[in-house]
Amino acid sequence: MRRLVAVCLAAATVVAVAGCGAADPSADPSGAALPSVGTSASTSPGASASTSASAGVSTVPVADPSHAVPAPGPRSGDLHSADILVRASTTLTPAQIAAIKAIPKVTGVEQLSIGEVSIEDKLLNVVAVDPATYRNYTPLASADSTEVWDRVAGGELAVNPDLKKQLPPDANGYWQMGSNASAPKIHVGAWAAQIPGLVDAVVNTAWGTSLGMVPDNAVIISTAITSPERVAKPLKKLLGSSASVQRLDVVARLGLDPDVRQFANVVGTVAQAVGHYTYRVLGGGMIAPDPAWVTSHIVTDTVPILGRVTCNRLLFPQLKAALAEVQARGLAGTIHSTAGCYYPRFIAGTSSLSNHAFGLAIDIDAPQNERGTAGQMNRQVVQIFEEWGFTWGGTWHYTDPMHFEMNKIVTPR
């Protein structure tokens, strides 16, 4: 039954391929419809390489030569189900990979890098992969699209289509990979279905290095027709506390397992403020970060105007400096309250972490600045916060004008 569900989901998948440089990655500059790739329900995990026209040799130009890797060309090898994720905060060693492959009923192993990138206060799961081999763990239509993976090899992004409306690219088709104005931009080359419940966007290994991702800190495992639970148990025994073992099958995706220690490998300019972050899932959307992390990172202190707040210790110097400047310019009367800084929980209604989970964001005057509105935040206050290394949520696609989050570490002089 699990295999049947996987095939049916794959058969419903459509991959939209974006033209490099197009203003809207769902259409080319002329307005004509861009190619889409359908699927054949007759192909299932374990099938050999496709010989359909969609899997033919691509003529996609290299979009970003400085971040290009060899184009994979047509798909080869068997398709695999993505049943288990093994994830660590450091590179998994060759000895660990060999031991994983030796576990009975493990039918496929794909090593990759995984990390979180903050875009509009959403921590998106980004993977850096070998396009030639990772594609065999994605839904059929994505796996068989040569153009999608040639675009990834050429330095572009492949993004889960669910994010198309939530986080559209800019006018030139680029995503900025972080909230810092200097964060790198990557062109969205394709909207292509990825591993459900795990992957939001895919880059190649060259981009993974530039983004500061931990190399090869994760493994996707296939168990074919064997229940993933039968493989997860020996995996946990093998790896102990050095890595997290999480099931990805459809049963496990109905809810996060509270017994699994989750990892967050944040990349970008604020990674130093997060460090090694693990947590467990609680009820009601709450999480429980490792107590040792909380002790070393989260403190309560007094800041100008707002009084006592609880935040990440590395946030306080620039938060105090920003608020002191607001006060010095006679703008203190424009700020009335804070809804807080450190919230160990998911974004409401999702399983995505916010920067509040790290204590790196603060909400100001929430009643006057609700999400989806222009808000009443004084623009001089916004400018001051931006100069002190904060991003303002009022400029996001779905506005959040109460929200200020750290986008770089600024040390007051």
Protein backbone atom coordinates (compact mmCIF):
# COMPACT_ATOMS: atom_id res chain seq x y z
CA MET A 1 0.00 0.00 0.00
CA ARG A 2 2.82 2.43 0.84
CA ARG A 3 4.38 1.79 -2.57
CA LEU A 4 1.03 2.34 -4.31
CA VAL A 5 0.58 5.70 -2.58
CA ALA A 6 4.07 6.77 -3.66
CA VAL A 7 3.36 5.90 -7.30
CA CYS A 8 -0.03 7.67 -7.28
CA LEU A 9 1.54 10.80 -5.86
CA ALA A 10 4.24 10.69 -8.49
CA ALA A 11 1.66 10.32 -11.25
CA ALA A 12 -0.01 13.56 -10.17
CA THR A 13 3.20 15.58 -10.20
CA VAL A 14 3.89 18.31 -12.76
CA VAL A 15 7.27 20.01 -13.09
CA ALA A 16 7.32 23.57 -14.39
CA VAL A 17 10.70 24.63 -15.78
CA ALA A 18 11.66 28.29 -15.54
CA GLY A 19 13.67 30.11 -18.16
CA CYS A 20 16.90 31.68 -16.91
CA GLY A 21 16.44 35.42 -16.55
CA ALA A 22 12.66 35.35 -16.98
CA ALA A 23 10.76 37.82 -14.82
CA ASP A 24 8.34 35.10 -13.75
CA PRO A 25 9.77 31.59 -13.44
CA SER A 26 6.43 30.17 -14.58
CA ALA A 27 6.63 31.83 -18.00
CA ASP A 28 9.29 32.82 -20.50
CA PRO A 29 9.91 36.49 -21.43
CA SER A 30 7.68 36.22 -24.50
CA GLY A 31 4.71 35.14 -22.41
CA ALA A 32 4.60 31.67 -23.91
CA ALA A 33 3.98 28.71 -21.64
CA LEU A 34 7.15 27.05 -20.46
CA PRO A 35 7.63 23.31 -20.77
CA SER A 36 6.14 21.03 -18.15
CA VAL A 37 6.92 17.39 -17.58
CA GLY A 38 4.21 14.82 -17.00
CA THR A 39 4.57 11.28 -15.67
CA SER A 40 3.66 7.77 -16.50
CA ALA A 41 1.87 5.85 -13.75
CA SER A 42 3.40 2.64 -15.09
CA THR A 43 6.85 3.59 -13.77
CA SER A 44 7.53 2.83 -10.13
CA PRO A 45 10.44 2.92 -7.69
CA GLY A 46 12.94 0.29 -8.74
CA ALA A 47 12.33 0.90 -12.45
CA SER A 48 15.30 1.32 -14.75
CA ALA A 49 16.23 4.59 -16.44
CA SER A 50 13.51 6.28 -18.49
CA THR A 51 13.86 6.49 -22.26
CA SER A 52 11.05 9.05 -22.71
CA ALA A 53 11.60 12.26 -24.65
CA SER A 54 11.51 14.25 -21.42
CA ALA A 55 14.63 12.41 -20.28
CA GLY A 56 16.56 13.24 -23.44
CA VAL A 57 19.73 15.28 -23.59
CA SER A 58 19.07 18.87 -22.46
CA THR A 59 20.33 21.97 -24.23
CA VAL A 60 19.89 24.17 -21.16
CA PRO A 61 22.61 26.87 -21.04
CA VAL A 62 24.75 27.18 -17.92
CA ALA A 63 23.19 30.03 -15.93
CA ASP A 64 25.95 30.53 -13.37
CA PRO A 65 29.38 29.28 -14.54
CA SER A 66 30.99 30.14 -11.19
CA HIS A 67 28.65 27.67 -9.46
CA ALA A 68 28.27 25.06 -12.18
CA VAL A 69 28.95 21.34 -11.88
CA PRO A 70 28.87 18.77 -14.71
CA ALA A 71 25.41 18.38 -16.23
CA PRO A 72 23.95 14.95 -15.42
CA GLY A 73 22.16 14.40 -18.73
CA PRO A 74 19.50 11.66 -18.95
CA ARG A 75 18.60 9.82 -15.77
CA SER A 76 20.28 6.50 -15.05
CA GLY A 77 19.90 3.90 -12.33
CA ASP A 78 16.89 2.79 -10.30
CA LEU A 79 14.31 5.06 -8.73
CA HIS A 80 14.21 4.87 -4.93
CA SER A 81 11.69 5.80 -2.28
CA ALA A 82 12.90 8.32 0.31
CA ASP A 83 12.07 6.50 3.54
CA ILE A 84 14.53 7.66 6.21
CA LEU A 85 16.63 10.78 6.80
CA VAL A 86 19.85 10.52 8.80
CA ARG A 87 21.10 13.97 9.77
CA ALA A 88 24.04 15.21 11.80
CA SER A 89 25.60 18.55 12.66
CA THR A 90 28.92 17.44 11.15
CA THR A 91 30.00 15.49 8.06
CA LEU A 92 29.05 11.82 8.16
CA THR A 93 32.23 9.78 7.76
CA PRO A 94 32.91 7.14 5.08
CA ALA A 95 32.93 4.52 7.84
CA GLN A 96 29.46 5.59 8.96
CA ILE A 97 28.14 5.51 5.39
CA ALA A 98 29.60 2.03 4.85
CA ALA A 99 27.97 0.82 8.07
CA ILE A 100 24.61 2.27 7.01
CA LYS A 101 24.82 0.54 3.63
CA ALA A 102 25.55 -2.75 5.40
CA ILE A 103 22.31 -2.69 7.41
CA PRO A 104 19.91 -5.37 6.10
CA LYS A 105 17.02 -4.08 3.96
CA VAL A 106 18.75 -0.81 3.09
CA THR A 107 18.32 -0.64 -0.70
CA GLY A 108 19.55 2.86 -1.44
CA VAL A 109 21.76 5.51 0.22
CA GLU A 110 22.24 9.08 -1.01
CA GLN A 111 24.57 11.39 0.89
CA LEU A 112 23.96 15.13 0.67
CA SER A 113 24.15 18.39 2.61
CA ILE A 114 21.10 19.83 4.35
CA GLY A 115 20.67 23.15 6.09
CA GLU A 116 18.12 25.83 6.86
CA VAL A 117 18.02 29.17 5.08
CA SER A 118 15.89 31.98 6.48
CA ILE A 119 13.62 33.61 3.91
CA GLU A 120 10.89 35.94 5.24
CA ASP A 121 11.17 34.35 8.71
CA LYS A 122 10.64 30.88 7.27
CA LEU A 123 13.47 28.42 7.75
CA LEU A 124 13.45 26.51 4.49
CA ASN A 125 15.09 23.11 4.16
CA VAL A 126 17.68 23.44 1.40
CA VAL A 127 19.72 20.48 0.19
CA ALA A 128 22.97 20.59 -1.77
CA VAL A 129 23.17 17.50 -3.95
CA ASP A 130 24.74 15.64 -6.81
CA PRO A 131 21.98 16.20 -9.42
CA ALA A 132 22.80 12.94 -11.21
CA THR A 133 22.06 10.69 -8.23
CA TYR A 134 19.77 12.66 -5.88
CA ARG A 135 17.11 12.94 -8.60
CA ASN A 136 16.35 9.21 -8.24
CA TYR A 137 14.89 9.88 -4.77
CA THR A 138 12.43 12.54 -5.97
CA PRO A 139 8.91 11.98 -7.40
CA LEU A 140 8.91 10.44 -10.87
CA ALA A 141 8.17 13.57 -12.92
CA SER A 142 11.01 15.43 -11.26
CA ALA A 143 13.41 12.49 -11.51
CA ASP A 144 12.80 12.05 -15.23
CA SER A 145 13.15 15.72 -16.17
CA THR A 146 16.64 16.15 -17.60
CA GLU A 147 16.13 19.90 -17.88
CA VAL A 148 15.40 20.32 -14.15
CA TRP A 149 18.66 18.68 -13.09
CA ASP A 150 20.71 20.33 -15.81
CA ARG A 151 19.45 23.65 -14.43
CA VAL A 152 20.47 22.67 -10.90
CA ALA A 153 23.89 21.61 -12.24
CA GLY A 154 24.16 24.96 -14.02
CA GLY A 155 23.80 26.87 -10.75
CA GLU A 156 20.04 27.39 -10.52
CA LEU A 157 17.48 26.45 -7.86
CA ALA A 158 14.83 23.73 -8.10
CA VAL A 159 12.02 24.69 -5.72
CA ASN A 160 9.02 22.81 -4.38
CA PRO A 161 5.95 24.18 -6.25
CA ASP A 162 4.08 24.63 -2.93
CA LEU A 163 6.26 27.69 -2.30
CA LYS A 164 5.47 29.43 -5.56
CA LYS A 165 2.70 31.61 -4.10
CA GLN A 166 4.13 31.87 -0.57
CA LEU A 167 7.62 33.00 -1.60
CA PRO A 168 7.65 34.19 -5.22
CA PRO A 169 11.03 35.18 -6.68
CA ASP A 170 11.90 38.80 -7.41
CA ALA A 171 11.16 40.49 -10.73
CA ASN A 172 14.16 38.81 -12.33
CA GLY A 173 13.35 35.34 -11.05
CA TYR A 174 15.82 35.19 -8.15
CA TRP A 175 15.53 34.06 -4.54
CA GLN A 176 17.72 35.82 -1.99
CA MET A 177 19.14 33.09 0.23
CA GLY A 178 18.87 34.88 3.57
CA SER A 179 17.50 38.09 5.06
CA ASN A 180 20.77 40.03 4.79
CA ALA A 181 20.84 42.48 1.88
CA SER A 182 24.21 41.00 0.89
CA ALA A 183 22.96 37.40 0.99
CA PRO A 184 23.56 35.58 -2.31
CA LYS A 185 20.82 35.40 -4.91
CA ILE A 186 20.13 32.23 -6.89
CA HIS A 187 17.93 32.06 -9.97
CA VAL A 188 14.89 29.80 -9.69
CA GLY A 189 15.33 27.43 -12.60
CA ALA A 190 12.43 25.06 -11.98
CA TRP A 191 9.41 24.43 -9.80
CA ALA A 192 9.83 20.71 -9.24
CA ALA A 193 8.33 18.38 -6.64
CA GLN A 194 10.85 17.20 -4.07
CA ILE A 195 10.92 14.68 -1.21
CA PRO A 196 7.58 15.33 0.55
CA GLY A 197 7.78 16.88 3.98
CA LEU A 198 11.54 17.36 3.82
CA VAL A 199 13.00 19.37 0.92
CA ASP A 200 11.94 22.90 -0.01
CA ALA A 201 14.70 23.77 -2.46
CA VAL A 202 17.69 22.11 -4.13
CA VAL A 203 21.09 23.51 -5.12
CA ASN A 204 24.21 21.81 -6.39
CA THR A 205 27.27 21.15 -4.25
CA ALA A 206 29.11 24.26 -5.52
CA TRP A 207 26.32 26.45 -4.18
CA GLY A 208 26.26 24.40 -0.99
CA THR A 209 29.87 25.42 -0.36
CA SER A 210 29.15 29.10 -1.06
CA LEU A 211 26.16 29.05 1.29
CA GLY A 212 28.33 27.64 4.07
CA MET A 213 26.43 24.37 4.37
CA VAL A 214 28.04 21.52 6.32
CA PRO A 215 29.26 19.11 3.62
CA ASP A 216 27.61 15.67 3.49
CA ASN A 217 25.91 15.93 6.87
CA ALA A 218 22.85 13.90 5.85
CA VAL A 219 21.81 10.69 4.13
CA ILE A 220 18.54 9.73 2.44
CA ILE A 221 17.85 6.00 2.81
CA SER A 222 15.50 3.79 0.85
CA THR A 223 14.06 0.60 2.32
CA ALA A 224 12.01 -0.46 -0.74
CA ILE A 225 9.13 -2.71 0.39
CA THR A 226 10.47 -3.08 3.94
CA SER A 227 8.86 -0.97 6.67
CA PRO A 228 11.20 1.94 7.47
CA GLU A 229 10.72 1.26 11.17
CA ARG A 230 12.60 -2.05 10.82
CA VAL A 231 15.64 -0.18 9.46
CA ALA A 232 15.32 2.85 11.75
CA LYS A 233 15.95 0.79 14.88
CA PRO A 234 19.38 -0.56 13.87
CA LEU A 235 20.26 2.86 12.48
CA LYS A 236 19.61 4.48 15.85
CA LYS A 237 21.68 1.79 17.56
CA LEU A 238 24.52 2.30 15.08
CA LEU A 239 24.64 6.11 15.24
CA GLY A 240 23.67 6.73 18.84
CA SER A 241 23.56 10.43 19.70
CA SER A 242 25.83 11.46 16.81
CA ALA A 243 22.94 11.83 14.37
CA SER A 244 19.15 12.05 14.11
CA VAL A 245 17.19 9.25 12.44
CA GLN A 246 13.81 10.33 11.07
CA ARG A 247 11.29 8.36 9.04
CA LEU A 248 9.99 10.05 5.89
CA ASP A 249 7.37 7.51 4.81
CA VAL A 250 3.74 8.63 4.48
CA VAL A 251 2.79 7.28 7.93
CA ALA A 252 5.55 9.23 9.64
CA ARG A 253 4.69 12.38 7.65
CA LEU A 254 1.31 12.57 9.37
CA GLY A 255 3.14 14.06 12.34
CA LEU A 256 6.64 14.72 13.65
CA ASP A 257 7.87 12.02 15.98
CA PRO A 258 8.30 13.45 19.49
CA ASP A 259 10.92 10.79 20.22
CA VAL A 260 13.25 12.01 17.46
CA ARG A 261 15.91 14.59 18.25
CA GLN A 262 15.63 17.13 15.41
CA PHE A 263 18.59 19.11 14.04
CA ALA A 264 18.67 22.63 12.62
CA ASN A 265 21.81 23.49 10.63
CA VAL A 266 21.32 27.20 10.00
CA VAL A 267 23.50 28.74 7.30
CA GLY A 268 24.26 32.36 6.53
CA THR A 269 25.52 35.34 8.49
CA VAL A 270 23.62 34.49 11.70
CA ALA A 271 24.83 30.88 11.93
CA GLN A 272 27.33 31.93 14.60
CA ALA A 273 24.45 33.04 16.83
CA VAL A 274 22.69 29.69 16.49
CA GLY A 275 25.51 27.17 16.60
CA HIS A 276 24.64 23.51 17.26
CA TYR A 277 20.83 23.48 17.65
CA THR A 278 18.77 20.40 18.43
CA TYR A 279 15.22 20.10 19.70
CA ARG A 280 12.32 17.77 20.33
CA VAL A 281 8.72 18.30 19.29
CA LEU A 282 6.10 18.99 21.96
CA GLY A 283 2.33 19.39 21.70
CA GLY A 284 0.57 22.54 20.55
CA GLY A 285 3.26 23.53 18.08
CA MET A 286 5.88 23.96 20.81
CA ILE A 287 9.43 22.60 20.71
CA ALA A 288 11.97 21.87 23.44
CA PRO A 289 15.49 22.97 22.45
CA ASP A 290 18.39 21.20 24.10
CA PRO A 291 18.60 22.68 27.66
CA ALA A 292 22.36 23.16 27.31
CA TRP A 293 21.79 25.28 24.18
CA VAL A 294 19.20 27.41 25.98
CA THR A 295 21.54 27.95 28.92
CA SER A 296 24.42 29.06 26.69
CA HIS A 297 22.42 31.15 24.19
CA ILE A 298 19.24 32.56 25.77
CA VAL A 299 19.34 35.32 28.39
CA THR A 300 17.02 37.95 29.84
CA ASP A 301 18.24 41.55 29.88
CA THR A 302 16.93 45.12 29.99
CA VAL A 303 16.89 47.19 26.80
CA PRO A 304 15.91 50.82 26.19
CA ILE A 305 12.19 51.61 25.75
CA LEU A 306 10.99 47.98 25.93
CA GLY A 307 12.41 46.97 29.30
CA ARG A 308 13.20 43.33 30.06
CA VAL A 309 13.16 40.89 27.15
CA THR A 310 14.44 37.35 26.64
CA CYS A 311 16.55 36.86 23.50
CA ASN A 312 19.69 35.29 22.08
CA ARG A 313 22.67 36.76 23.92
CA LEU A 314 24.32 37.79 20.62
CA LEU A 315 21.25 39.83 19.65
CA PHE A 316 21.40 42.15 22.64
CA PRO A 317 24.34 44.43 21.69
CA GLN A 318 22.75 45.57 18.44
CA LEU A 319 19.19 45.51 19.80
CA LYS A 320 20.24 47.83 22.62
CA ALA A 321 22.14 50.04 20.19
CA ALA A 322 19.18 50.31 17.81
CA LEU A 323 16.72 51.18 20.58
CA ALA A 324 19.16 53.66 22.12
CA GLU A 325 19.39 55.42 18.76
CA VAL A 326 15.60 55.43 18.47
CA GLN A 327 15.51 57.08 21.90
CA ALA A 328 18.26 59.56 21.03
CA ARG A 329 16.38 60.70 17.93
CA GLY A 330 13.26 61.42 19.96
CA LEU A 331 11.30 58.49 18.48
CA ALA A 332 10.76 56.48 21.67
CA GLY A 333 7.11 57.54 21.75
CA THR A 334 6.47 55.66 18.51
CA ILE A 335 7.19 52.31 20.23
CA HIS A 336 4.81 51.07 22.90
CA SER A 337 5.31 47.35 23.57
CA THR A 338 6.90 44.09 22.53
CA ALA A 339 5.25 40.73 21.95
CA GLY A 340 8.57 39.07 22.78
CA CYS A 341 11.71 37.69 21.22
CA TYR A 342 12.44 34.05 22.14
CA TYR A 343 9.60 31.64 21.28
CA PRO A 344 10.58 27.94 21.18
CA ARG A 345 7.85 26.88 18.75
CA PHE A 346 6.96 26.33 15.10
CA ILE A 347 5.38 29.02 12.95
CA ALA A 348 1.64 28.74 13.58
CA GLY A 349 0.04 25.96 11.53
CA THR A 350 3.32 24.68 10.13
CA SER A 351 6.30 22.51 11.04
CA SER A 352 8.78 25.27 10.09
CA LEU A 353 10.93 27.06 12.64
CA SER A 354 10.98 30.83 12.92
CA ASN A 355 14.00 32.91 13.92
CA HIS A 356 12.09 33.43 17.18
CA ALA A 357 13.01 29.82 18.01
CA PHE A 358 16.64 30.98 18.17
CA GLY A 359 15.87 34.23 19.97
CA LEU A 360 17.02 36.22 16.93
CA ALA A 361 13.82 38.16 16.18
CA ILE A 362 11.64 40.58 18.10
CA ASP A 363 8.03 41.66 17.55
CA ILE A 364 7.19 45.29 18.31
CA ASP A 365 3.72 46.86 18.70
CA ALA A 366 1.89 43.75 17.49
CA PRO A 367 -1.69 45.17 17.79
CA GLN A 368 -0.91 47.98 15.34
CA ASN A 369 1.18 45.85 12.97
CA GLU A 370 -0.67 42.64 12.16
CA ARG A 371 0.51 40.25 9.47
CA GLY A 372 -0.72 41.02 5.97
CA THR A 373 -1.09 44.76 6.66
CA ALA A 374 1.08 47.80 5.98
CA GLY A 375 1.18 48.43 9.72
CA GLN A 376 1.94 51.65 11.57
CA MET A 377 5.65 51.19 12.20
CA ASN A 378 7.54 54.48 12.03
CA ARG A 379 9.78 54.33 8.95
CA GLN A 380 12.62 56.15 10.72
CA VAL A 381 12.56 53.40 13.33
CA VAL A 382 12.69 50.84 10.53
CA GLN A 383 15.71 52.59 9.01
CA ILE A 384 17.53 52.60 12.35
CA PHE A 385 16.92 48.88 12.88
CA GLU A 386 18.09 48.10 9.35
CA GLU A 387 21.29 50.06 9.94
CA TRP A 388 21.89 47.93 13.05
CA GLY A 389 21.70 44.64 11.19
CA PHE A 390 17.97 43.84 11.24
CA THR A 391 15.55 42.89 8.47
CA TRP A 392 12.02 44.32 8.70
CA GLY A 393 9.07 42.03 7.93
CA GLY A 394 7.04 44.91 6.51
CA THR A 395 8.71 44.51 3.11
CA TRP A 396 7.98 40.79 2.75
CA HIS A 397 5.62 39.26 0.22
CA TYR A 398 3.20 38.51 3.07
CA THR A 399 3.94 41.45 5.31
CA ASP A 400 4.78 41.14 9.01
CA PRO A 401 5.38 44.77 10.06
CA MET A 402 5.80 43.98 13.78
CA HIS A 403 8.78 41.71 13.04
CA PHE A 404 12.48 42.60 13.12
CA GLU A 405 15.05 39.80 12.77
CA MET A 406 18.85 39.76 12.86
CA ASN A 407 20.37 39.41 9.41
CA LYS A 408 23.99 40.00 10.41
CA ILE A 409 26.01 40.41 13.57
CA VAL A 410 26.89 44.04 14.24
CA THR A 411 29.23 44.99 17.09
CA PRO A 412 28.62 48.52 18.44
CA ARG A 413 31.74 50.65 18.76
